[in-house]
């Protein structure tokens, strides 16, 4: 994978896992790349993965499905996946689909560290 094709722009290690920051719109074209990057990270078995979506202005159902799959993998391993920094359009998708009741969602990565 070429670095310019990466969806996750920033990665920051934390005590029990990692904070990742996808960038740009996550749609049918880009969600397979996000999935590949997340699966690579989840294979490392980290206890907590924080996905900071503050640089994602739009996400379609394929992007949401990618995050649902990552959440299921983390839960099977008794690990956590936390979303933070959702912009209004992205937050509304999670609220309309009631996935805001399924995911742990915080305002920012600092608050996600307390979850």
PDB file of N, CA and C in Angstrom:
ATOM      1  N   UNK A   1       0.851  -1.183   0.000  1.00  0.00           N
ATOM      2  CA  UNK A   1       0.000   0.000   0.000  1.00  0.00           C
ATOM      3  C   UNK A   1       0.887   1.233   0.000  1.00  0.00           C
ATOM      4  N   UNK A   2       0.629   2.154  -0.876  1.00  0.00           N
ATOM      5  CA  UNK A   2       1.372   3.405  -0.906  1.00  0.00           C
ATOM      6  C   UNK A   2       0.929   4.282   0.252  1.00  0.00           C
ATOM      7  N   UNK A   3       1.872   4.982   0.836  1.00  0.00           N
ATOM      8  CA  UNK A   3       1.575   5.795   2.022  1.00  0.00           C
ATOM      9  C   UNK A   3       0.512   6.848   1.736  1.00  0.00           C
ATOM     10  N   UNK A   4       0.518   7.427   0.519  1.00  0.00           N
ATOM     11  CA  UNK A   4      -0.470   8.454   0.196  1.00  0.00           C
ATOM     12  C   UNK A   4      -1.883   7.883   0.103  1.00  0.00           C
ATOM     13  N   UNK A   5      -2.004   6.565  -0.039  1.00  0.00           N
ATOM     14  CA  UNK A   5      -3.317   5.931  -0.098  1.00  0.00           C
ATOM     15  C   UNK A   5      -3.885   5.629   1.284  1.00  0.00           C
ATOM     16  N   UNK A   6      -3.073   5.776   2.309  1.00  0.00           N
ATOM     17  CA  UNK A   6      -3.491   5.449   3.667  1.00  0.00           C
ATOM     18  C   UNK A   6      -4.651   6.347   4.091  1.00  0.00           C
ATOM     19  N   UNK A   7      -5.602   5.755   4.793  1.00  0.00           N
ATOM     20  CA  UNK A   7      -6.731   6.508   5.333  1.00  0.00           C
ATOM     21  C   UNK A   7      -6.387   7.032   6.727  1.00  0.00           C
ATOM     22  N   UNK A   8      -5.671   6.206   7.495  1.00  0.00           N
ATOM     23  CA  UNK A   8      -5.266   6.624   8.836  1.00  0.00           C
ATOM     24  C   UNK A   8      -4.011   7.471   8.701  1.00  0.00           C
ATOM     25  N   UNK A   9      -4.165   8.764   8.994  1.00  0.00           N
ATOM     26  CA  UNK A   9      -3.063   9.696   8.832  1.00  0.00           C
ATOM     27  C   UNK A   9      -2.117   9.743  10.012  1.00  0.00           C
ATOM     28  N   UNK A  10      -2.658   9.585  11.216  1.00  0.00           N
ATOM     29  CA  UNK A  10      -1.837   9.677  12.419  1.00  0.00           C
ATOM     30  C   UNK A  10      -2.100   8.479  13.313  1.00  0.00           C
ATOM     31  N   UNK A  11      -1.034   8.020  13.959  1.00  0.00           N
ATOM     32  CA  UNK A  11      -1.121   6.932  14.934  1.00  0.00           C
ATOM     33  C   UNK A  11      -0.298   7.345  16.140  1.00  0.00           C
ATOM     34  N   UNK A  12      -0.870   7.160  17.319  1.00  0.00           N
ATOM     35  CA  UNK A  12      -0.161   7.513  18.543  1.00  0.00           C
ATOM     36  C   UNK A  12      -0.339   6.382  19.553  1.00  0.00           C
ATOM     37  N   UNK A  13       0.771   5.824  19.995  1.00  0.00           N
ATOM     38  CA  UNK A  13       0.712   4.765  21.002  1.00  0.00           C
ATOM     39  C   UNK A  13       0.316   5.341  22.347  1.00  0.00           C
ATOM     40  N   UNK A  14      -0.507   4.588  23.082  1.00  0.00           N
ATOM     41  CA  UNK A  14      -0.857   4.919  24.460  1.00  0.00           C
ATOM     42  C   UNK A  14      -0.557   3.681  25.295  1.00  0.00           C
ATOM     43  N   UNK A  15      -0.648   3.813  26.613  1.00  0.00           N
ATOM     44  CA  UNK A  15      -0.262   2.715  27.505  1.00  0.00           C
ATOM     45  C   UNK A  15      -0.859   1.376  27.118  1.00  0.00           C
ATOM     46  N   UNK A  16      -2.164   1.349  26.856  1.00  0.00           N
ATOM     47  CA  UNK A  16      -2.838   0.076  26.608  1.00  0.00           C
ATOM     48  C   UNK A  16      -3.318  -0.087  25.170  1.00  0.00           C
ATOM     49  N   UNK A  17      -2.758   0.702  24.251  1.00  0.00           N
ATOM     50  CA  UNK A  17      -3.193   0.564  22.872  1.00  0.00           C
ATOM     51  C   UNK A  17      -2.719   1.670  21.962  1.00  0.00           C
ATOM     52  N   UNK A  18      -3.671   2.212  21.184  1.00  0.00           N
ATOM     53  CA  UNK A  18      -3.307   3.217  20.187  1.00  0.00           C
ATOM     54  C   UNK A  18      -4.480   4.138  19.876  1.00  0.00           C
ATOM     55  N   UNK A  19      -4.130   5.384  19.544  1.00  0.00           N
ATOM     56  CA  UNK A  19      -5.093   6.346  19.011  1.00  0.00           C
ATOM     57  C   UNK A  19      -4.779   6.476  17.516  1.00  0.00           C
ATOM     58  N   UNK A  20      -5.800   6.297  16.688  1.00  0.00           N
ATOM     59  CA  UNK A  20      -5.626   6.447  15.244  1.00  0.00           C
ATOM     60  C   UNK A  20      -6.560   7.552  14.753  1.00  0.00           C
ATOM     61  N   UNK A  21      -6.099   8.261  13.741  1.00  0.00           N
ATOM     62  CA  UNK A  21      -6.866   9.399  13.239  1.00  0.00           C
ATOM     63  C   UNK A  21      -7.027   9.289  11.722  1.00  0.00           C
ATOM     64  N   UNK A  22      -8.160   8.682  11.279  1.00  0.00           N
ATOM     65  CA  UNK A  22      -8.439   8.657   9.840  1.00  0.00           C
ATOM     66  C   UNK A  22      -8.656  10.078   9.323  1.00  0.00           C
ATOM     67  N   UNK A  23      -8.380  10.268   8.040  1.00  0.00           N
ATOM     68  CA  UNK A  23      -8.515  11.600   7.446  1.00  0.00           C
ATOM     69  C   UNK A  23      -9.327  11.520   6.162  1.00  0.00           C
ATOM     70  N   UNK A  24     -10.195  12.509   5.970  1.00  0.00           N
ATOM     71  CA  UNK A  24     -10.980  12.601   4.748  1.00  0.00           C
ATOM     72  C   UNK A  24     -12.278  11.820   4.837  1.00  0.00           C
ATOM     73  N   UNK A  25     -13.011  11.857   3.737  1.00  0.00           N
ATOM     74  CA  UNK A  25     -14.295  11.162   3.685  1.00  0.00           C
ATOM     75  C   UNK A  25     -14.073   9.658   3.640  1.00  0.00           C
ATOM     76  N   UNK A  26     -14.900   8.935   4.388  1.00  0.00           N
ATOM     77  CA  UNK A  26     -14.838   7.475   4.389  1.00  0.00           C
ATOM     78  C   UNK A  26     -16.089   6.983   3.661  1.00  0.00           C
ATOM     79  N   UNK A  27     -15.883   6.541   2.433  1.00  0.00           N
ATOM     80  CA  UNK A  27     -17.005   6.102   1.598  1.00  0.00           C
ATOM     81  C   UNK A  27     -16.691   4.733   1.005  1.00  0.00           C
ATOM     82  N   UNK A  28     -17.507   4.300   0.074  1.00  0.00           N
ATOM     83  CA  UNK A  28     -17.362   2.977  -0.525  1.00  0.00           C
ATOM     84  C   UNK A  28     -15.983   2.777  -1.148  1.00  0.00           C
ATOM     85  N   UNK A  29     -15.388   3.845  -1.638  1.00  0.00           N
ATOM     86  CA  UNK A  29     -14.066   3.761  -2.271  1.00  0.00           C
ATOM     87  C   UNK A  29     -12.966   3.608  -1.219  1.00  0.00           C
ATOM     88  N   UNK A  30     -13.064   4.338  -0.117  1.00  0.00           N
ATOM     89  CA  UNK A  30     -11.982   4.378   0.874  1.00  0.00           C
ATOM     90  C   UNK A  30     -12.170   3.423   2.054  1.00  0.00           C
ATOM     91  N   UNK A  31     -13.384   2.926   2.277  1.00  0.00           N
ATOM     92  CA  UNK A  31     -13.598   2.068   3.448  1.00  0.00           C
ATOM     93  C   UNK A  31     -12.817   0.744   3.383  1.00  0.00           C
ATOM     94  N   UNK A  32     -12.604   0.126   2.207  1.00  0.00           N
ATOM     95  CA  UNK A  32     -11.775  -1.089   2.209  1.00  0.00           C
ATOM     96  C   UNK A  32     -10.343  -0.831   2.692  1.00  0.00           C
ATOM     97  N   UNK A  33      -9.801   0.333   2.348  1.00  0.00           N
ATOM     98  CA  UNK A  33      -8.459   0.677   2.816  1.00  0.00           C
ATOM     99  C   UNK A  33      -8.462   0.901   4.329  1.00  0.00           C
ATOM    100  N   UNK A  34      -9.495   1.580   4.849  1.00  0.00           N
ATOM    101  CA  UNK A  34      -9.606   1.772   6.296  1.00  0.00           C
ATOM    102  C   UNK A  34      -9.702   0.420   6.980  1.00  0.00           C
ATOM    103  N   UNK A  35     -10.505  -0.479   6.424  1.00  0.00           N
ATOM    104  CA  UNK A  35     -10.653  -1.822   6.998  1.00  0.00           C
ATOM    105  C   UNK A  35      -9.304  -2.522   7.067  1.00  0.00           C
ATOM    106  N   UNK A  36      -8.558  -2.488   5.975  1.00  0.00           N
ATOM    107  CA  UNK A  36      -7.247  -3.151   5.937  1.00  0.00           C
ATOM    108  C   UNK A  36      -6.317  -2.584   7.004  1.00  0.00           C
ATOM    109  N   UNK A  37      -6.308  -1.273   7.147  1.00  0.00           N
ATOM    110  CA  UNK A  37      -5.443  -0.640   8.144  1.00  0.00           C
ATOM    111  C   UNK A  37      -5.878  -0.989   9.561  1.00  0.00           C
ATOM    112  N   UNK A  38      -7.190  -0.984   9.811  1.00  0.00           N
ATOM    113  CA  UNK A  38      -7.686  -1.328  11.152  1.00  0.00           C
ATOM    114  C   UNK A  38      -7.412  -2.797  11.472  1.00  0.00           C
ATOM    115  N   UNK A  39      -7.616  -3.689  10.521  1.00  0.00           N
ATOM    116  CA  UNK A  39      -7.387  -5.118  10.771  1.00  0.00           C
ATOM    117  C   UNK A  39      -5.921  -5.377  11.094  1.00  0.00           C
ATOM    118  N   UNK A  40      -5.033  -4.681  10.416  1.00  0.00           N
ATOM    119  CA  UNK A  40      -3.598  -4.810  10.697  1.00  0.00           C
ATOM    120  C   UNK A  40      -3.309  -4.404  12.142  1.00  0.00           C
ATOM    121  N   UNK A  41      -3.930  -3.333  12.593  1.00  0.00           N
ATOM    122  CA  UNK A  41      -3.740  -2.877  13.975  1.00  0.00           C
ATOM    123  C   UNK A  41      -4.368  -3.850  14.971  1.00  0.00           C
ATOM    124  N   UNK A  42      -5.577  -4.313  14.679  1.00  0.00           N
ATOM    125  CA  UNK A  42      -6.277  -5.203  15.610  1.00  0.00           C
ATOM    126  C   UNK A  42      -5.573  -6.548  15.737  1.00  0.00           C
ATOM    127  N   UNK A  43      -4.849  -6.959  14.709  1.00  0.00           N
ATOM    128  CA  UNK A  43      -4.082  -8.203  14.779  1.00  0.00           C
ATOM    129  C   UNK A  43      -2.981  -8.127  15.839  1.00  0.00           C
ATOM    130  N   UNK A  44      -2.624  -6.915  16.243  1.00  0.00           N
ATOM    131  CA  UNK A  44      -1.599  -6.735  17.263  1.00  0.00           C
ATOM    132  C   UNK A  44      -2.146  -6.981  18.665  1.00  0.00           C
ATOM    133  N   UNK A  45      -3.468  -7.097  18.787  1.00  0.00           N
ATOM    134  CA  UNK A  45      -4.084  -7.451  20.065  1.00  0.00           C
ATOM    135  C   UNK A  45      -4.067  -6.368  21.125  1.00  0.00           C
ATOM    136  N   UNK A  46      -4.174  -5.120  20.723  1.00  0.00           N
ATOM    137  CA  UNK A  46      -4.148  -4.034  21.701  1.00  0.00           C
ATOM    138  C   UNK A  46      -5.439  -3.991  22.518  1.00  0.00           C
ATOM    139  N   UNK A  47      -5.309  -3.655  23.795  1.00  0.00           N
ATOM    140  CA  UNK A  47      -6.453  -3.633  24.708  1.00  0.00           C
ATOM    141  C   UNK A  47      -7.439  -2.525  24.360  1.00  0.00           C
ATOM    142  N   UNK A  48      -6.948  -1.412  23.842  1.00  0.00           N
ATOM    143  CA  UNK A  48      -7.818  -0.274  23.542  1.00  0.00           C
ATOM    144  C   UNK A  48      -7.400   0.354  22.216  1.00  0.00           C
ATOM    145  N   UNK A  49      -8.391   0.548  21.350  1.00  0.00           N
ATOM    146  CA  UNK A  49      -8.170   1.269  20.105  1.00  0.00           C
ATOM    147  C   UNK A  49      -9.116   2.454  20.115  1.00  0.00           C
ATOM    148  N   UNK A  50      -8.549   3.645  20.051  1.00  0.00           N
ATOM    149  CA  UNK A  50      -9.333   4.882  20.013  1.00  0.00           C
ATOM    150  C   UNK A  50      -9.274   5.407  18.582  1.00  0.00           C
ATOM    151  N   UNK A  51     -10.450   5.584  17.976  1.00  0.00           N
ATOM    152  CA  UNK A  51     -10.534   6.075  16.600  1.00  0.00           C
ATOM    153  C   UNK A  51     -11.033   7.521  16.662  1.00  0.00           C
ATOM    154  N   UNK A  52     -10.128   8.446  16.392  1.00  0.00           N
ATOM    155  CA  UNK A  52     -10.435   9.878  16.418  1.00  0.00           C
ATOM    156  C   UNK A  52     -10.928  10.290  15.030  1.00  0.00           C
ATOM    157  N   UNK A  53     -12.212  10.593  14.938  1.00  0.00           N
ATOM    158  CA  UNK A  53     -12.832  10.920  13.649  1.00  0.00           C
ATOM    159  C   UNK A  53     -12.960  12.425  13.414  1.00  0.00           C
ATOM    160  N   UNK A  54     -12.186  13.225  14.117  1.00  0.00           N
ATOM    161  CA  UNK A  54     -12.320  14.685  13.995  1.00  0.00           C
ATOM    162  C   UNK A  54     -11.927  15.207  12.612  1.00  0.00           C
ATOM    163  N   UNK A  55     -11.151  14.446  11.840  1.00  0.00           N
ATOM    164  CA  UNK A  55     -10.773  14.848  10.478  1.00  0.00           C
ATOM    165  C   UNK A  55     -11.577  14.105   9.412  1.00  0.00           C
ATOM    166  N   UNK A  56     -12.735  13.537   9.810  1.00  0.00           N
ATOM    167  CA  UNK A  56     -13.607  12.815   8.875  1.00  0.00           C
ATOM    168  C   UNK A  56     -14.927  13.592   8.767  1.00  0.00           C
ATOM    169  N   UNK A  57     -15.098  14.379   7.687  1.00  0.00           N
ATOM    170  CA  UNK A  57     -16.313  15.186   7.555  1.00  0.00           C
ATOM    171  C   UNK A  57     -17.548  14.397   7.121  1.00  0.00           C
ATOM    172  N   UNK A  58     -17.323  13.220   6.513  1.00  0.00           N
ATOM    173  CA  UNK A  58     -18.439  12.421   6.001  1.00  0.00           C
ATOM    174  C   UNK A  58     -18.073  10.942   6.072  1.00  0.00           C
ATOM    175  N   UNK A  59     -19.066  10.120   6.403  1.00  0.00           N
ATOM    176  CA  UNK A  59     -18.879   8.678   6.396  1.00  0.00           C
ATOM    177  C   UNK A  59     -20.178   8.043   5.917  1.00  0.00           C
ATOM    178  N   UNK A  60     -20.080   7.129   4.953  1.00  0.00           N
ATOM    179  CA  UNK A  60     -21.282   6.437   4.502  1.00  0.00           C
ATOM    180  C   UNK A  60     -21.415   5.101   5.235  1.00  0.00           C
ATOM    181  N   UNK A  61     -22.403   4.319   4.846  1.00  0.00           N
ATOM    182  CA  UNK A  61     -22.686   3.076   5.556  1.00  0.00           C
ATOM    183  C   UNK A  61     -21.539   2.072   5.463  1.00  0.00           C
ATOM    184  N   UNK A  62     -20.756   2.129   4.404  1.00  0.00           N
ATOM    185  CA  UNK A  62     -19.619   1.203   4.303  1.00  0.00           C
ATOM    186  C   UNK A  62     -18.548   1.526   5.348  1.00  0.00           C
ATOM    187  N   UNK A  63     -18.360   2.807   5.619  1.00  0.00           N
ATOM    188  CA  UNK A  63     -17.428   3.206   6.673  1.00  0.00           C
ATOM    189  C   UNK A  63     -17.930   2.805   8.045  1.00  0.00           C
ATOM    190  N   UNK A  64     -19.230   2.979   8.265  1.00  0.00           N
ATOM    191  CA  UNK A  64     -19.841   2.578   9.536  1.00  0.00           C
ATOM    192  C   UNK A  64     -19.701   1.069   9.709  1.00  0.00           C
ATOM    193  N   UNK A  65     -19.951   0.313   8.648  1.00  0.00           N
ATOM    194  CA  UNK A  65     -19.834  -1.149   8.717  1.00  0.00           C
ATOM    195  C   UNK A  65     -18.408  -1.577   9.070  1.00  0.00           C
ATOM    196  N   UNK A  66     -17.432  -0.866   8.554  1.00  0.00           N
ATOM    197  CA  UNK A  66     -16.031  -1.154   8.874  1.00  0.00           C
ATOM    198  C   UNK A  66     -15.775  -0.972  10.364  1.00  0.00           C
ATOM    199  N   UNK A  67     -16.320   0.102  10.934  1.00  0.00           N
ATOM    200  CA  UNK A  67     -16.139   0.341  12.361  1.00  0.00           C
ATOM    201  C   UNK A  67     -16.902  -0.677  13.209  1.00  0.00           C
ATOM    202  N   UNK A  68     -18.070  -1.088  12.750  1.00  0.00           N
ATOM    203  CA  UNK A  68     -18.841  -2.121  13.460  1.00  0.00           C
ATOM    204  C   UNK A  68     -18.039  -3.422  13.490  1.00  0.00           C
ATOM    205  N   UNK A  69     -17.434  -3.781  12.364  1.00  0.00           N
ATOM    206  CA  UNK A  69     -16.624  -4.997  12.315  1.00  0.00           C
ATOM    207  C   UNK A  69     -15.444  -4.910  13.284  1.00  0.00           C
ATOM    208  N   UNK A  70     -14.783  -3.762  13.316  1.00  0.00           N
ATOM    209  CA  UNK A  70     -13.660  -3.574  14.236  1.00  0.00           C
ATOM    210  C   UNK A  70     -14.125  -3.683  15.694  1.00  0.00           C
ATOM    211  N   UNK A  71     -15.291  -3.120  15.992  1.00  0.00           N
ATOM    212  CA  UNK A  71     -15.850  -3.207  17.345  1.00  0.00           C
ATOM    213  C   UNK A  71     -16.124  -4.667  17.718  1.00  0.00           C
ATOM    214  N   UNK A  72     -16.700  -5.421  16.797  1.00  0.00           N
ATOM    215  CA  UNK A  72     -16.991  -6.835  17.065  1.00  0.00           C
ATOM    216  C   UNK A  72     -15.712  -7.616  17.351  1.00  0.00           C
ATOM    217  N   UNK A  73     -14.668  -7.352  16.594  1.00  0.00           N
ATOM    218  CA  UNK A  73     -13.390  -8.032  16.807  1.00  0.00           C
ATOM    219  C   UNK A  73     -12.831  -7.684  18.183  1.00  0.00           C
ATOM    220  N   UNK A  74     -12.865  -6.407  18.532  1.00  0.00           N
ATOM    221  CA  UNK A  74     -12.355  -5.997  19.838  1.00  0.00           C
ATOM    222  C   UNK A  74     -13.163  -6.631  20.968  1.00  0.00           C
ATOM    223  N   UNK A  75     -14.466  -6.670  20.838  1.00  0.00           N
ATOM    224  CA  UNK A  75     -15.313  -7.256  21.883  1.00  0.00           C
ATOM    225  C   UNK A  75     -15.062  -8.748  22.044  1.00  0.00           C
ATOM    226  N   UNK A  76     -14.869  -9.454  20.928  1.00  0.00           N
ATOM    227  CA  UNK A  76     -14.579 -10.899  21.012  1.00  0.00           C
ATOM    228  C   UNK A  76     -13.312 -11.156  21.813  1.00  0.00           C
ATOM    229  N   UNK A  77     -12.386 -10.226  21.754  1.00  0.00           N
ATOM    230  CA  UNK A  77     -11.112 -10.358  22.469  1.00  0.00           C
ATOM    231  C   UNK A  77     -11.171  -9.701  23.847  1.00  0.00           C
ATOM    232  N   UNK A  78     -12.357  -9.236  24.254  1.00  0.00           N
ATOM    233  CA  UNK A  78     -12.546  -8.501  25.517  1.00  0.00           C
ATOM    234  C   UNK A  78     -11.698  -7.230  25.559  1.00  0.00           C
ATOM    235  N   UNK A  79     -11.537  -6.618  24.399  1.00  0.00           N
ATOM    236  CA  UNK A  79     -10.816  -5.356  24.282  1.00  0.00           C
ATOM    237  C   UNK A  79     -11.804  -4.242  23.966  1.00  0.00           C
ATOM    238  N   UNK A  80     -11.316  -3.001  23.950  1.00  0.00           N
ATOM    239  CA  UNK A  80     -12.196  -1.854  23.734  1.00  0.00           C
ATOM    240  C   UNK A  80     -11.889  -1.132  22.431  1.00  0.00           C
ATOM    241  N   UNK A  81     -12.955  -0.573  21.851  1.00  0.00           N
ATOM    242  CA  UNK A  81     -12.842   0.336  20.725  1.00  0.00           C
ATOM    243  C   UNK A  81     -13.692   1.551  21.086  1.00  0.00           C
ATOM    244  N   UNK A  82     -13.077   2.718  21.053  1.00  0.00           N
ATOM    245  CA  UNK A  82     -13.759   3.960  21.420  1.00  0.00           C
ATOM    246  C   UNK A  82     -13.674   4.916  20.237  1.00  0.00           C
ATOM    247  N   UNK A  83     -14.795   5.557  19.918  1.00  0.00           N
ATOM    248  CA  UNK A  83     -14.818   6.585  18.876  1.00  0.00           C
ATOM    249  C   UNK A  83     -14.807   7.949  19.553  1.00  0.00           C
ATOM    250  N   UNK A  84     -14.143   8.910  18.942  1.00  0.00           N
ATOM    251  CA  UNK A  84     -14.170  10.265  19.487  1.00  0.00           C
ATOM    252  C   UNK A  84     -14.094  11.283  18.362  1.00  0.00           C
ATOM    253  N   UNK A  85     -14.429  12.526  18.689  1.00  0.00           N
ATOM    254  CA  UNK A  85     -14.295  13.636  17.759  1.00  0.00           C
ATOM    255  C   UNK A  85     -15.226  13.603  16.559  1.00  0.00           C
ATOM    256  N   UNK A  86     -16.395  13.009  16.712  1.00  0.00           N
ATOM    257  CA  UNK A  86     -17.316  12.905  15.571  1.00  0.00           C
ATOM    258  C   UNK A  86     -17.848  14.275  15.165  1.00  0.00           C
ATOM    259  N   UNK A  87     -17.690  14.619  13.883  1.00  0.00           N
ATOM    260  CA  UNK A  87     -18.276  15.839  13.352  1.00  0.00           C
ATOM    261  C   UNK A  87     -19.790  15.629  13.220  1.00  0.00           C
ATOM    262  N   UNK A  88     -20.527  16.708  13.056  1.00  0.00           N
ATOM    263  CA  UNK A  88     -21.994  16.665  13.081  1.00  0.00           C
ATOM    264  C   UNK A  88     -22.593  15.658  12.098  1.00  0.00           C
ATOM    265  N   UNK A  89     -22.129  15.653  10.857  1.00  0.00           N
ATOM    266  CA  UNK A  89     -22.689  14.731   9.856  1.00  0.00           C
ATOM    267  C   UNK A  89     -22.423  13.274  10.226  1.00  0.00           C
ATOM    268  N   UNK A  90     -21.235  13.008  10.710  1.00  0.00           N
ATOM    269  CA  UNK A  90     -20.873  11.637  11.090  1.00  0.00           C
ATOM    270  C   UNK A  90     -21.652  11.224  12.335  1.00  0.00           C
ATOM    271  N   UNK A  91     -21.730  12.122  13.305  1.00  0.00           N
ATOM    272  CA  UNK A  91     -22.478  11.824  14.533  1.00  0.00           C
ATOM    273  C   UNK A  91     -23.944  11.502  14.206  1.00  0.00           C
ATOM    274  N   UNK A  92     -24.535  12.250  13.274  1.00  0.00           N
ATOM    275  CA  UNK A  92     -25.944  12.021  12.947  1.00  0.00           C
ATOM    276  C   UNK A  92     -26.168  10.628  12.361  1.00  0.00           C
ATOM    277  N   UNK A  93     -25.215  10.107  11.599  1.00  0.00           N
ATOM    278  CA  UNK A  93     -25.332   8.753  11.055  1.00  0.00           C
ATOM    279  C   UNK A  93     -25.384   7.736  12.199  1.00  0.00           C
ATOM    280  N   UNK A  94     -24.535   7.926  13.189  1.00  0.00           N
ATOM    281  CA  UNK A  94     -24.519   7.010  14.333  1.00  0.00           C
ATOM    282  C   UNK A  94     -25.798   7.144  15.164  1.00  0.00           C
ATOM    283  N   UNK A  95     -26.315   8.357  15.275  1.00  0.00           N
ATOM    284  CA  UNK A  95     -27.544   8.565  16.050  1.00  0.00           C
ATOM    285  C   UNK A  95     -28.766   8.004  15.321  1.00  0.00           C
ATOM    286  N   UNK A  96     -28.876   8.247  14.025  1.00  0.00           N
ATOM    287  CA  UNK A  96     -30.016   7.756  13.246  1.00  0.00           C
ATOM    288  C   UNK A  96     -30.067   6.228  13.264  1.00  0.00           C
ATOM    289  N   UNK A  97     -28.905   5.602  13.159  1.00  0.00           N
ATOM    290  CA  UNK A  97     -28.837   4.140  13.154  1.00  0.00           C
ATOM    291  C   UNK A  97     -28.820   3.555  14.565  1.00  0.00           C
ATOM    292  N   UNK A  98     -28.846   4.438  15.560  1.00  0.00           N
ATOM    293  CA  UNK A  98     -28.817   4.074  16.982  1.00  0.00           C
ATOM    294  C   UNK A  98     -27.513   3.384  17.377  1.00  0.00           C
ATOM    295  N   UNK A  99     -26.505   3.510  16.569  1.00  0.00           N
ATOM    296  CA  UNK A  99     -25.205   2.937  16.903  1.00  0.00           C
ATOM    297  C   UNK A  99     -24.485   3.751  17.971  1.00  0.00           C
ATOM    298  N   UNK A 100     -25.001   4.952  18.246  1.00  0.00           N
ATOM    299  CA  UNK A 100     -24.432   5.724  19.354  1.00  0.00           C
ATOM    300  C   UNK A 100     -24.701   5.019  20.688  1.00  0.00           C
ATOM    301  N   UNK A 101     -25.645   4.064  20.700  1.00  0.00           N
ATOM    302  CA  UNK A 101     -25.931   3.279  21.899  1.00  0.00           C
ATOM    303  C   UNK A 101     -25.041   2.035  21.966  1.00  0.00           C
ATOM    304  N   UNK A 102     -24.407   1.690  20.860  1.00  0.00           N
ATOM    305  CA  UNK A 102     -23.569   0.493  20.776  1.00  0.00           C
ATOM    306  C   UNK A 102     -22.098   0.837  21.000  1.00  0.00           C
ATOM    307  N   UNK A 103     -21.649   1.901  20.360  1.00  0.00           N
ATOM    308  CA  UNK A 103     -20.257   2.338  20.484  1.00  0.00           C
ATOM    309  C   UNK A 103     -20.069   3.217  21.715  1.00  0.00           C
ATOM    310  N   UNK A 104     -18.885   3.159  22.283  1.00  0.00           N
ATOM    311  CA  UNK A 104     -18.503   4.153  23.275  1.00  0.00           C
ATOM    312  C   UNK A 104     -17.985   5.349  22.480  1.00  0.00           C
ATOM    313  N   UNK A 105     -18.633   6.505  22.670  1.00  0.00           N
ATOM    314  CA  UNK A 105     -18.296   7.715  21.921  1.00  0.00           C
ATOM    315  C   UNK A 105     -17.975   8.816  22.917  1.00  0.00           C
ATOM    316  N   UNK A 106     -16.824   9.470  22.724  1.00  0.00           N
ATOM    317  CA  UNK A 106     -16.425  10.572  23.589  1.00  0.00           C
ATOM    318  C   UNK A 106     -16.144  11.807  22.721  1.00  0.00           C
ATOM    319  N   UNK A 107     -16.019  12.942  23.392  1.00  0.00           N
ATOM    320  CA  UNK A 107     -15.763  14.188  22.668  1.00  0.00           C
ATOM    321  C   UNK A 107     -14.386  14.216  22.016  1.00  0.00           C
ATOM    322  N   UNK A 108     -13.372  13.709  22.729  1.00  0.00           N
ATOM    323  CA  UNK A 108     -12.007  13.750  22.191  1.00  0.00           C
ATOM    324  C   UNK A 108     -11.189  12.577  22.711  1.00  0.00           C
ATOM    325  N   UNK A 109      -9.963  12.456  22.215  1.00  0.00           N
ATOM    326  CA  UNK A 109      -9.118  11.319  22.567  1.00  0.00           C
ATOM    327  C   UNK A 109      -8.742  11.339  24.047  1.00  0.00           C
ATOM    328  N   UNK A 110      -8.609  12.514  24.628  1.00  0.00           N
ATOM    329  CA  UNK A 110      -8.273  12.589  26.055  1.00  0.00           C
ATOM    330  C   UNK A 110      -9.388  11.962  26.893  1.00  0.00           C
ATOM    331  N   UNK A 111     -10.639  12.265  26.565  1.00  0.00           N
ATOM    332  CA  UNK A 111     -11.777  11.683  27.290  1.00  0.00           C
ATOM    333  C   UNK A 111     -11.887  10.186  27.018  1.00  0.00           C
ATOM    334  N   UNK A 112     -11.489   9.754  25.826  1.00  0.00           N
ATOM    335  CA  UNK A 112     -11.551   8.325  25.482  1.00  0.00           C
ATOM    336  C   UNK A 112     -10.580   7.511  26.318  1.00  0.00           C
ATOM    337  N   UNK A 113      -9.527   8.137  26.774  1.00  0.00           N
ATOM    338  CA  UNK A 113      -8.557   7.444  27.623  1.00  0.00           C
ATOM    339  C   UNK A 113      -9.128   7.056  28.961  1.00  0.00           C
ATOM    340  N   UNK A 114     -10.211   7.704  29.376  1.00  0.00           N
ATOM    341  CA  UNK A 114     -10.848   7.417  30.666  1.00  0.00           C
ATOM    342  C   UNK A 114     -11.922   6.350  30.560  1.00  0.00           C
ATOM    343  N   UNK A 115     -12.240   5.905  29.341  1.00  0.00           N
ATOM    344  CA  UNK A 115     -13.335   4.937  29.143  1.00  0.00           C
ATOM    345  C   UNK A 115     -12.816   3.528  29.384  1.00  0.00           C
TER     346      UNK A 115
END
